[in-house]
Amino acid sequence: MDVRALLWDVDGTLADTEMGGHRLAFNRAFEAAGLPWHWDTTTYGQLLAISGGRERIRHFFARAREGPVSEAEVETLMAAKQAAYADLARGGRLPLRPGVKRLVAETAARGVPQVLVTTSSRSAVAALLEGQGTDLASAFAFWICGEDVAAKKPSPEGYLLALERLSLPSFRVVALEDSPQGLAAAQGAGLACLLTLGERPAPGTSSWWRRAAGAVSHLGEEDNPCEVLTGPPCQEGRITLSWLSELLEEG
């Protein structure tokens, strides 16, 4: 059974945007507003359990101030954060993950549709793609962004909307994700999901990733083979459409 479409998450899956992108942009916004907060990598790693920038601000400020933050302040901070993120992204400072450019190009050459499904804003996605060049941007048929849905991941709404627009059944489509929220969203829409985890999870940590149809360190390059953590063997060390089709057969 061949894959009929790929649905890509953006942050952490398409590119390394979180720690060196969104986190820095939030901190710049806090500094510009005269707020005494700085999200280090540990704090931001914990906040990644919450989908959406506004949601992270509300959650953090409710604890830091022992009360809710006003919506006006949330919007002011988000505007400053989005501007700071756009500067970083357009400058090409947020690298694609290994194998992404290759797999996107190979998939486009085969005429298989590709869609971005993300909780990020449309402006953030546009800035990231602008910093990567026109070849990457032109490979995606359309984007489903945070402002396009009522509920963000782990809700499957974004993926269901993408499937509706593609007019494809879920069992012929693969989602590429990197987080528990993304996995839950993909599986809630009935999709086989490949996780790109970066490093092998440490022994004794949560094994949530084992619920996915497949999990790899990254998508692989000729000089940088991937490690398959779960799923079919990958002799070439590079994730291909043929390999992804095996997830459909297994899932």
Foldseek 3Di string as FASTA:
>chain_A
DFFQEEEEEPDPAFWPAQQVALQVLLQVLCVVVVHPDHQHPVNSVVLVVDFDDLRSVQVVCCVVVVHGDDPVVSVSSVVSSLVRRLVCQLCLVIGTFPQNVVQLVQCVVVVRAYEYQYQADPSNVVSNVNNVDDVNVVSHPYYHYNVNDPDHFVALVSVLVVCVVVVDQQLSYEYEEADLRVQSNSVVSVHQYEHQHQDDDDPPDDPSVVVHLWYWVHQADQVGAIGTPDHDDDVSSGDHSVRVVRSSVVD
